[in-house]
Amino acid sequence: MSVRASLVVVKSDGSTKEVAITSPRLVVGRDSDCQIRIPLADVSRRHCELLFAGDRVALRDLGSSNGSFVNGERVSESQLSAGDVLGVGPCLFVVRLDGSPEDIDVRALWAKQQEPGAASEASDEFGNLQPPDLDGSSEMDFDFNLDDDEDDEQPAL
């Protein structure tokens, strides 16, 4: 049985946007052919990929300059669980599997990423993040190209 997977984008204005994942492989980066495009200098052209197979979800860094983070830890590969927080450049995403987690506390999420004493390797990277403007004066744009049929096969995780 396959799991319903989505990413919840935590926007800079404090709002969230859920994006259902329908492809077995998504590439995140600033290049125009990425399924999740983040047009920022801190994000590599092809930063990382998300792989979905059955009830398993994984993240693999694609040699990005600034690294990919799961729950504040820099990773090259990681199996993901519901509620895991992905850091790509200054952007945060929450993994939602079969509707869990139902609620996301944006303020707590950003506060945790900013905590002193967070994972030492990630703290420098996350130390440069700005918490979202919860008054709504700014917004970060993302491009989603989830209709790409380039990978019809299920990837091995």
N, C-alpha and C. Protein backbone atom coordinates (compact mmCIF):
# COMPACT_ATOMS: atom_id res chain seq x y z
N MET A 1 0.84 -1.18 0.00
CA MET A 1 0.00 0.00 0.00
C MET A 1 0.89 1.24 0.00
N SER A 2 0.55 2.19 -0.79
CA SER A 2 1.34 3.40 -0.95
C SER A 2 0.89 4.49 0.03
N VAL A 3 1.83 5.25 0.49
CA VAL A 3 1.55 6.34 1.42
C VAL A 3 1.25 7.62 0.63
N ARG A 4 0.34 8.44 1.15
CA ARG A 4 0.08 9.75 0.55
C ARG A 4 1.14 10.70 1.10
N ALA A 5 1.98 11.22 0.24
CA ALA A 5 3.08 12.08 0.67
C ALA A 5 2.88 13.49 0.14
N SER A 6 3.29 14.45 0.96
CA SER A 6 3.28 15.84 0.53
C SER A 6 4.37 16.59 1.28
N LEU A 7 4.71 17.73 0.73
CA LEU A 7 5.63 18.65 1.40
C LEU A 7 4.83 19.87 1.77
N VAL A 8 5.05 20.36 2.97
CA VAL A 8 4.41 21.59 3.40
C VAL A 8 5.49 22.66 3.37
N VAL A 9 5.31 23.60 2.45
CA VAL A 9 6.25 24.70 2.32
C VAL A 9 5.94 25.70 3.42
N VAL A 10 6.94 26.06 4.20
CA VAL A 10 6.77 27.07 5.25
C VAL A 10 7.26 28.38 4.65
N LYS A 11 6.32 29.24 4.28
CA LYS A 11 6.65 30.49 3.60
C LYS A 11 7.18 31.54 4.55
N SER A 12 7.86 32.53 3.98
CA SER A 12 8.48 33.58 4.78
C SER A 12 7.47 34.47 5.48
N ASP A 13 6.21 34.45 5.03
CA ASP A 13 5.19 35.25 5.71
C ASP A 13 4.52 34.47 6.85
N GLY A 14 5.02 33.26 7.13
CA GLY A 14 4.48 32.45 8.21
C GLY A 14 3.37 31.53 7.78
N SER A 15 2.90 31.65 6.55
CA SER A 15 1.85 30.76 6.07
C SER A 15 2.48 29.47 5.56
N THR A 16 1.65 28.49 5.32
CA THR A 16 2.13 27.22 4.78
C THR A 16 1.34 26.89 3.52
N LYS A 17 1.95 26.09 2.67
CA LYS A 17 1.29 25.61 1.46
C LYS A 17 1.65 24.15 1.29
N GLU A 18 0.64 23.31 1.21
CA GLU A 18 0.88 21.88 1.03
C GLU A 18 0.91 21.54 -0.44
N VAL A 19 1.93 20.76 -0.82
CA VAL A 19 2.09 20.34 -2.20
C VAL A 19 2.09 18.81 -2.23
N ALA A 20 1.06 18.23 -2.83
CA ALA A 20 0.97 16.77 -2.92
C ALA A 20 2.06 16.25 -3.85
N ILE A 21 2.65 15.14 -3.48
CA ILE A 21 3.71 14.53 -4.27
C ILE A 21 3.10 13.37 -5.06
N THR A 22 3.19 13.46 -6.37
CA THR A 22 2.59 12.44 -7.22
C THR A 22 3.62 11.72 -8.08
N SER A 23 4.86 12.15 -8.04
CA SER A 23 5.93 11.57 -8.84
C SER A 23 6.87 10.79 -7.93
N PRO A 24 7.48 9.71 -8.42
CA PRO A 24 8.40 8.95 -7.57
C PRO A 24 9.73 9.65 -7.30
N ARG A 25 10.01 10.73 -8.05
CA ARG A 25 11.27 11.46 -7.86
C ARG A 25 11.04 12.93 -8.12
N LEU A 26 11.49 13.76 -7.18
CA LEU A 26 11.42 15.21 -7.34
C LEU A 26 12.81 15.78 -7.12
N VAL A 27 13.21 16.67 -8.00
CA VAL A 27 14.48 17.37 -7.83
C VAL A 27 14.18 18.78 -7.34
N VAL A 28 14.91 19.18 -6.30
CA VAL A 28 14.77 20.52 -5.73
C VAL A 28 16.03 21.29 -6.08
N GLY A 29 15.86 22.51 -6.58
CA GLY A 29 17.02 23.34 -6.90
C GLY A 29 16.58 24.62 -7.58
N ARG A 30 17.56 25.39 -8.03
CA ARG A 30 17.21 26.66 -8.68
C ARG A 30 17.14 26.56 -10.20
N ASP A 31 17.54 25.42 -10.77
CA ASP A 31 17.50 25.23 -12.22
C ASP A 31 16.06 25.14 -12.71
N SER A 32 15.81 25.61 -13.92
CA SER A 32 14.44 25.67 -14.45
C SER A 32 13.83 24.28 -14.66
N ASP A 33 14.63 23.21 -14.76
CA ASP A 33 14.06 21.88 -14.96
C ASP A 33 13.75 21.15 -13.65
N CYS A 34 13.96 21.78 -12.50
CA CYS A 34 13.65 21.16 -11.21
C CYS A 34 12.15 21.17 -10.96
N GLN A 35 11.65 20.09 -10.36
CA GLN A 35 10.23 20.02 -10.05
C GLN A 35 9.84 21.00 -8.95
N ILE A 36 10.73 21.22 -7.99
CA ILE A 36 10.54 22.28 -6.99
C ILE A 36 11.69 23.26 -7.19
N ARG A 37 11.36 24.41 -7.75
CA ARG A 37 12.37 25.41 -8.11
C ARG A 37 12.39 26.51 -7.06
N ILE A 38 13.59 26.74 -6.51
CA ILE A 38 13.80 27.79 -5.52
C ILE A 38 14.86 28.73 -6.10
N PRO A 39 14.44 29.84 -6.66
CA PRO A 39 15.38 30.72 -7.37
C PRO A 39 16.18 31.63 -6.44
N LEU A 40 17.04 31.02 -5.62
CA LEU A 40 17.88 31.76 -4.68
C LEU A 40 19.33 31.31 -4.81
N ALA A 41 20.26 32.22 -4.60
CA ALA A 41 21.69 31.92 -4.74
C ALA A 41 22.17 30.87 -3.75
N ASP A 42 21.53 30.76 -2.59
CA ASP A 42 21.94 29.76 -1.57
C ASP A 42 21.55 28.34 -1.96
N VAL A 43 20.77 28.19 -3.00
CA VAL A 43 20.29 26.89 -3.45
C VAL A 43 21.04 26.51 -4.72
N SER A 44 21.61 25.30 -4.74
CA SER A 44 22.34 24.84 -5.93
C SER A 44 21.38 24.58 -7.08
N ARG A 45 21.94 24.55 -8.30
CA ARG A 45 21.09 24.32 -9.48
C ARG A 45 20.27 23.05 -9.33
N ARG A 46 20.91 21.98 -8.92
CA ARG A 46 20.25 20.70 -8.62
C ARG A 46 20.70 20.34 -7.21
N HIS A 47 19.96 20.80 -6.23
CA HIS A 47 20.37 20.78 -4.83
C HIS A 47 20.21 19.39 -4.19
N CYS A 48 18.99 18.85 -4.26
CA CYS A 48 18.73 17.54 -3.67
C CYS A 48 17.56 16.90 -4.40
N GLU A 49 17.33 15.63 -4.11
CA GLU A 49 16.18 14.94 -4.68
C GLU A 49 15.43 14.22 -3.59
N LEU A 50 14.13 14.11 -3.80
CA LEU A 50 13.25 13.35 -2.91
C LEU A 50 12.79 12.13 -3.68
N LEU A 51 12.91 10.96 -3.06
CA LEU A 51 12.55 9.71 -3.71
C LEU A 51 11.41 9.06 -2.94
N PHE A 52 10.38 8.64 -3.67
CA PHE A 52 9.19 8.05 -3.06
C PHE A 52 8.98 6.66 -3.65
N ALA A 53 8.87 5.65 -2.80
CA ALA A 53 8.61 4.28 -3.24
C ALA A 53 7.76 3.59 -2.18
N GLY A 54 6.51 3.31 -2.55
CA GLY A 54 5.61 2.66 -1.60
C GLY A 54 5.40 3.51 -0.37
N ASP A 55 5.78 2.99 0.79
CA ASP A 55 5.61 3.75 2.02
C ASP A 55 6.93 4.37 2.50
N ARG A 56 7.93 4.41 1.62
CA ARG A 56 9.23 4.95 2.00
C ARG A 56 9.52 6.24 1.25
N VAL A 57 10.12 7.18 1.98
CA VAL A 57 10.50 8.48 1.42
C VAL A 57 11.94 8.75 1.83
N ALA A 58 12.74 9.22 0.89
CA ALA A 58 14.14 9.50 1.19
C ALA A 58 14.57 10.81 0.56
N LEU A 59 15.58 11.43 1.15
CA LEU A 59 16.20 12.63 0.60
C LEU A 59 17.65 12.28 0.27
N ARG A 60 18.12 12.76 -0.87
CA ARG A 60 19.52 12.56 -1.26
C ARG A 60 20.06 13.90 -1.73
N ASP A 61 21.13 14.37 -1.10
CA ASP A 61 21.79 15.60 -1.54
C ASP A 61 22.50 15.32 -2.85
N LEU A 62 22.47 16.27 -3.77
CA LEU A 62 23.08 16.08 -5.08
C LEU A 62 24.39 16.86 -5.22
N GLY A 63 25.16 16.89 -4.13
CA GLY A 63 26.44 17.59 -4.14
C GLY A 63 26.28 19.09 -4.02
N SER A 64 25.25 19.53 -3.33
CA SER A 64 25.00 20.97 -3.19
C SER A 64 26.11 21.66 -2.43
N SER A 65 26.33 22.93 -2.72
CA SER A 65 27.37 23.71 -2.05
C SER A 65 27.07 23.93 -0.58
N ASN A 66 25.82 24.26 -0.25
CA ASN A 66 25.47 24.62 1.12
C ASN A 66 24.83 23.49 1.91
N GLY A 67 24.62 22.34 1.29
CA GLY A 67 24.12 21.17 1.99
C GLY A 67 22.61 21.11 2.09
N SER A 68 22.14 19.90 2.38
CA SER A 68 20.73 19.63 2.64
C SER A 68 20.62 19.19 4.08
N PHE A 69 19.55 19.63 4.75
CA PHE A 69 19.41 19.39 6.18
C PHE A 69 18.10 18.68 6.47
N VAL A 70 18.15 17.74 7.40
CA VAL A 70 16.95 17.08 7.91
C VAL A 70 16.97 17.28 9.42
N ASN A 71 15.96 17.97 9.92
CA ASN A 71 15.85 18.26 11.36
C ASN A 71 17.12 18.94 11.90
N GLY A 72 17.69 19.83 11.10
CA GLY A 72 18.84 20.61 11.52
C GLY A 72 20.18 19.93 11.36
N GLU A 73 20.19 18.70 10.88
CA GLU A 73 21.44 17.95 10.67
C GLU A 73 21.75 17.89 9.19
N ARG A 74 22.99 18.22 8.84
CA ARG A 74 23.40 18.13 7.43
C ARG A 74 23.48 16.65 7.06
N VAL A 75 22.89 16.30 5.90
CA VAL A 75 22.87 14.90 5.48
C VAL A 75 23.25 14.79 4.02
N SER A 76 23.80 13.63 3.65
CA SER A 76 23.98 13.33 2.23
C SER A 76 22.83 12.46 1.75
N GLU A 77 22.32 11.59 2.63
CA GLU A 77 21.13 10.78 2.37
C GLU A 77 20.42 10.57 3.69
N SER A 78 19.08 10.47 3.62
CA SER A 78 18.32 10.24 4.84
C SER A 78 16.95 9.68 4.52
N GLN A 79 16.53 8.65 5.26
CA GLN A 79 15.15 8.18 5.21
C GLN A 79 14.32 9.21 5.96
N LEU A 80 13.15 9.55 5.45
CA LEU A 80 12.33 10.59 6.05
C LEU A 80 11.10 10.00 6.71
N SER A 81 10.65 10.68 7.76
CA SER A 81 9.44 10.31 8.48
C SER A 81 8.50 11.50 8.53
N ALA A 82 7.26 11.23 8.86
CA ALA A 82 6.27 12.31 8.99
C ALA A 82 6.76 13.32 10.02
N GLY A 83 6.68 14.60 9.66
CA GLY A 83 7.08 15.67 10.57
C GLY A 83 8.53 16.09 10.44
N ASP A 84 9.33 15.36 9.66
CA ASP A 84 10.72 15.78 9.47
C ASP A 84 10.74 17.14 8.77
N VAL A 85 11.72 17.95 9.15
CA VAL A 85 11.88 19.29 8.58
C VAL A 85 13.08 19.28 7.65
N LEU A 86 12.85 19.65 6.38
CA LEU A 86 13.92 19.72 5.39
C LEU A 86 14.36 21.17 5.25
N GLY A 87 15.67 21.38 5.28
CA GLY A 87 16.23 22.70 5.05
C GLY A 87 16.99 22.70 3.75
N VAL A 88 16.58 23.55 2.82
CA VAL A 88 17.26 23.72 1.53
C VAL A 88 17.52 25.20 1.39
N GLY A 89 18.80 25.60 1.50
CA GLY A 89 19.11 27.03 1.54
C GLY A 89 18.35 27.63 2.71
N PRO A 90 17.72 28.77 2.52
CA PRO A 90 16.99 29.39 3.62
C PRO A 90 15.53 28.91 3.70
N CYS A 91 15.19 27.85 2.99
CA CYS A 91 13.79 27.39 2.91
C CYS A 91 13.56 26.16 3.78
N LEU A 92 12.37 26.10 4.36
CA LEU A 92 11.98 24.96 5.18
C LEU A 92 10.76 24.28 4.60
N PHE A 93 10.78 22.96 4.65
CA PHE A 93 9.66 22.12 4.21
C PHE A 93 9.40 21.10 5.31
N VAL A 94 8.15 20.77 5.54
CA VAL A 94 7.80 19.72 6.49
C VAL A 94 7.23 18.55 5.69
N VAL A 95 7.70 17.34 6.01
CA VAL A 95 7.22 16.14 5.35
C VAL A 95 5.90 15.74 5.99
N ARG A 96 4.88 15.58 5.16
CA ARG A 96 3.57 15.12 5.65
C ARG A 96 3.26 13.79 4.97
N LEU A 97 3.03 12.76 5.79
CA LEU A 97 2.72 11.43 5.28
C LEU A 97 1.37 11.00 5.82
N ASP A 98 0.48 10.62 4.92
CA ASP A 98 -0.88 10.23 5.28
C ASP A 98 -1.53 11.23 6.23
N GLY A 99 -1.32 12.52 5.97
CA GLY A 99 -1.95 13.58 6.75
C GLY A 99 -1.28 13.91 8.07
N SER A 100 -0.15 13.28 8.36
CA SER A 100 0.55 13.52 9.63
C SER A 100 1.90 14.18 9.35
N PRO A 101 2.25 15.24 10.06
CA PRO A 101 1.51 15.88 11.14
C PRO A 101 0.36 16.72 10.58
N GLU A 102 -0.72 16.75 11.33
CA GLU A 102 -1.90 17.50 10.90
C GLU A 102 -1.66 19.00 11.02
N ASP A 103 -1.11 19.42 12.16
CA ASP A 103 -0.84 20.84 12.40
C ASP A 103 0.65 21.10 12.45
N ILE A 104 1.05 22.28 11.96
CA ILE A 104 2.45 22.69 12.00
C ILE A 104 2.53 24.04 12.69
N ASP A 105 3.29 24.11 13.77
CA ASP A 105 3.48 25.35 14.51
C ASP A 105 4.67 26.08 13.89
N VAL A 106 4.39 27.05 13.03
CA VAL A 106 5.43 27.74 12.26
C VAL A 106 6.41 28.46 13.18
N ARG A 107 5.91 29.14 14.20
CA ARG A 107 6.81 29.86 15.12
C ARG A 107 7.75 28.91 15.83
N ALA A 108 7.24 27.80 16.32
CA ALA A 108 8.07 26.82 17.02
C ALA A 108 9.08 26.19 16.06
N LEU A 109 8.65 25.94 14.84
CA LEU A 109 9.54 25.35 13.84
C LEU A 109 10.75 26.24 13.59
N TRP A 110 10.51 27.53 13.33
CA TRP A 110 11.61 28.46 13.08
C TRP A 110 12.45 28.67 14.34
N ALA A 111 11.81 28.72 15.50
CA ALA A 111 12.56 28.90 16.75
C ALA A 111 13.51 27.73 16.96
N LYS A 112 13.05 26.51 16.68
CA LYS A 112 13.89 25.34 16.86
C LYS A 112 15.09 25.38 15.92
N GLN A 113 14.89 25.85 14.68
CA GLN A 113 15.99 25.94 13.73
C GLN A 113 17.01 26.99 14.16
N GLN A 114 16.59 27.97 14.96
CA GLN A 114 17.44 29.06 15.40
C GLN A 114 18.12 28.80 16.74
N GLU A 115 17.74 27.71 17.45
CA GLU A 115 18.23 27.46 18.80
C GLU A 115 19.75 27.38 18.85
N PRO A 116 20.34 28.07 19.85
CA PRO A 116 21.77 27.85 20.08
C PRO A 116 21.95 26.41 20.55
N GLY A 117 23.03 25.79 20.13
CA GLY A 117 23.28 24.43 20.54
C GLY A 117 22.61 23.41 19.65
N ALA A 118 21.96 23.87 18.56
CA ALA A 118 21.44 22.91 17.59
C ALA A 118 22.65 22.22 16.99
N ALA A 119 22.45 21.20 16.21
CA ALA A 119 23.56 20.43 15.66
C ALA A 119 24.66 21.37 15.17
N SER A 120 25.89 21.12 15.60
CA SER A 120 26.98 22.06 15.34
C SER A 120 27.20 22.34 13.86
N GLU A 121 27.15 21.32 13.02
CA GLU A 121 27.39 21.54 11.60
C GLU A 121 26.26 22.36 10.99
N ALA A 122 25.03 22.16 11.46
CA ALA A 122 23.89 22.88 10.90
C ALA A 122 23.73 24.26 11.48
N SER A 123 24.28 24.50 12.66
CA SER A 123 24.00 25.78 13.32
C SER A 123 24.54 26.96 12.52
N ASP A 124 25.70 26.82 11.88
CA ASP A 124 26.20 27.93 11.07
C ASP A 124 25.25 28.20 9.92
N GLU A 125 24.80 27.14 9.25
CA GLU A 125 23.89 27.30 8.12
C GLU A 125 22.56 27.91 8.58
N PHE A 126 21.99 27.36 9.63
CA PHE A 126 20.70 27.87 10.09
C PHE A 126 20.84 29.18 10.83
N GLY A 127 22.04 29.50 11.31
CA GLY A 127 22.25 30.77 11.98
C GLY A 127 22.03 31.95 11.05
N ASN A 128 22.14 31.71 9.75
CA ASN A 128 21.93 32.78 8.78
C ASN A 128 20.47 32.89 8.33
N LEU A 129 19.63 31.95 8.75
CA LEU A 129 18.22 32.01 8.34
C LEU A 129 17.51 33.12 9.08
N GLN A 130 16.60 33.74 8.41
CA GLN A 130 15.75 34.74 9.05
C GLN A 130 14.41 34.07 9.33
N PRO A 131 13.87 34.23 10.53
CA PRO A 131 12.56 33.65 10.78
C PRO A 131 11.54 34.32 9.89
N PRO A 132 10.41 33.64 9.65
CA PRO A 132 9.43 34.23 8.75
C PRO A 132 8.89 35.53 9.30
N ASP A 133 8.53 36.40 8.39
CA ASP A 133 7.88 37.66 8.76
C ASP A 133 6.42 37.34 9.01
N LEU A 134 6.07 37.15 10.27
CA LEU A 134 4.73 36.72 10.61
C LEU A 134 3.71 37.83 10.50
N ASP A 135 4.16 39.04 10.15
CA ASP A 135 3.23 40.13 9.89
C ASP A 135 2.82 40.17 8.42
N GLY A 136 3.42 39.30 7.62
CA GLY A 136 3.01 39.18 6.22
C GLY A 136 3.57 40.21 5.28
N SER A 137 4.70 40.85 5.61
CA SER A 137 5.21 41.89 4.74
C SER A 137 6.09 41.37 3.61
N SER A 138 6.44 40.09 3.64
CA SER A 138 7.24 39.53 2.55
C SER A 138 6.80 38.10 2.28
N GLU A 139 7.15 37.61 1.09
CA GLU A 139 6.77 36.25 0.73
C GLU A 139 7.83 35.69 -0.20
N MET A 140 8.14 34.40 -0.05
CA MET A 140 9.10 33.74 -0.90
C MET A 140 8.34 32.98 -1.97
N ASP A 141 8.82 33.03 -3.19
CA ASP A 141 8.16 32.35 -4.29
C ASP A 141 8.83 31.02 -4.57
N PHE A 142 8.03 30.01 -4.87
CA PHE A 142 8.51 28.70 -5.28
C PHE A 142 7.79 28.36 -6.57
N ASP A 143 8.48 27.63 -7.43
CA ASP A 143 7.86 27.11 -8.64
C ASP A 143 7.75 25.60 -8.46
N PHE A 144 6.59 25.06 -8.77
CA PHE A 144 6.37 23.62 -8.68
C PHE A 144 6.03 23.08 -10.05
N ASN A 145 6.79 22.10 -10.51
CA ASN A 145 6.55 21.45 -11.77
C ASN A 145 6.38 19.97 -11.47
N LEU A 146 5.20 19.61 -10.99
CA LEU A 146 4.97 18.24 -10.54
C LEU A 146 4.34 17.35 -11.59
N ASP A 147 4.18 17.86 -12.80
CA ASP A 147 3.58 17.08 -13.87
C ASP A 147 4.63 16.42 -14.76
N ASP A 148 5.88 16.48 -14.35
CA ASP A 148 6.98 15.93 -15.13
C ASP A 148 6.91 14.40 -15.10
N ASP A 149 6.84 13.78 -16.26
CA ASP A 149 6.75 12.32 -16.36
C ASP A 149 8.09 11.68 -16.70
N GLU A 150 9.19 12.38 -16.45
CA GLU A 150 10.48 11.86 -16.88
C GLU A 150 10.85 10.56 -16.19
N ASP A 151 10.38 10.31 -14.96
CA ASP A 151 10.72 9.11 -14.22
C ASP A 151 9.45 8.33 -13.88
N ASP A 152 9.10 7.38 -14.71
CA ASP A 152 7.91 6.59 -14.45
C ASP A 152 8.20 5.40 -13.55
N GLU A 153 9.48 5.02 -13.41
CA GLU A 153 9.83 3.87 -12.59
C GLU A 153 9.93 4.28 -11.14
N GLN A 154 9.65 3.34 -10.25
CA GLN A 154 9.82 3.59 -8.82
C GLN A 154 11.32 3.48 -8.50
N PRO A 155 11.90 4.49 -7.86
CA PRO A 155 13.33 4.42 -7.54
C PRO A 155 13.58 3.49 -6.36
N ALA A 156 14.76 2.92 -6.31
CA ALA A 156 15.15 2.09 -5.17
C ALA A 156 15.58 3.00 -4.04
N LEU A 157 15.12 2.73 -2.84
CA LEU A 157 15.50 3.55 -1.68
C LEU A 157 16.47 2.80 -0.81
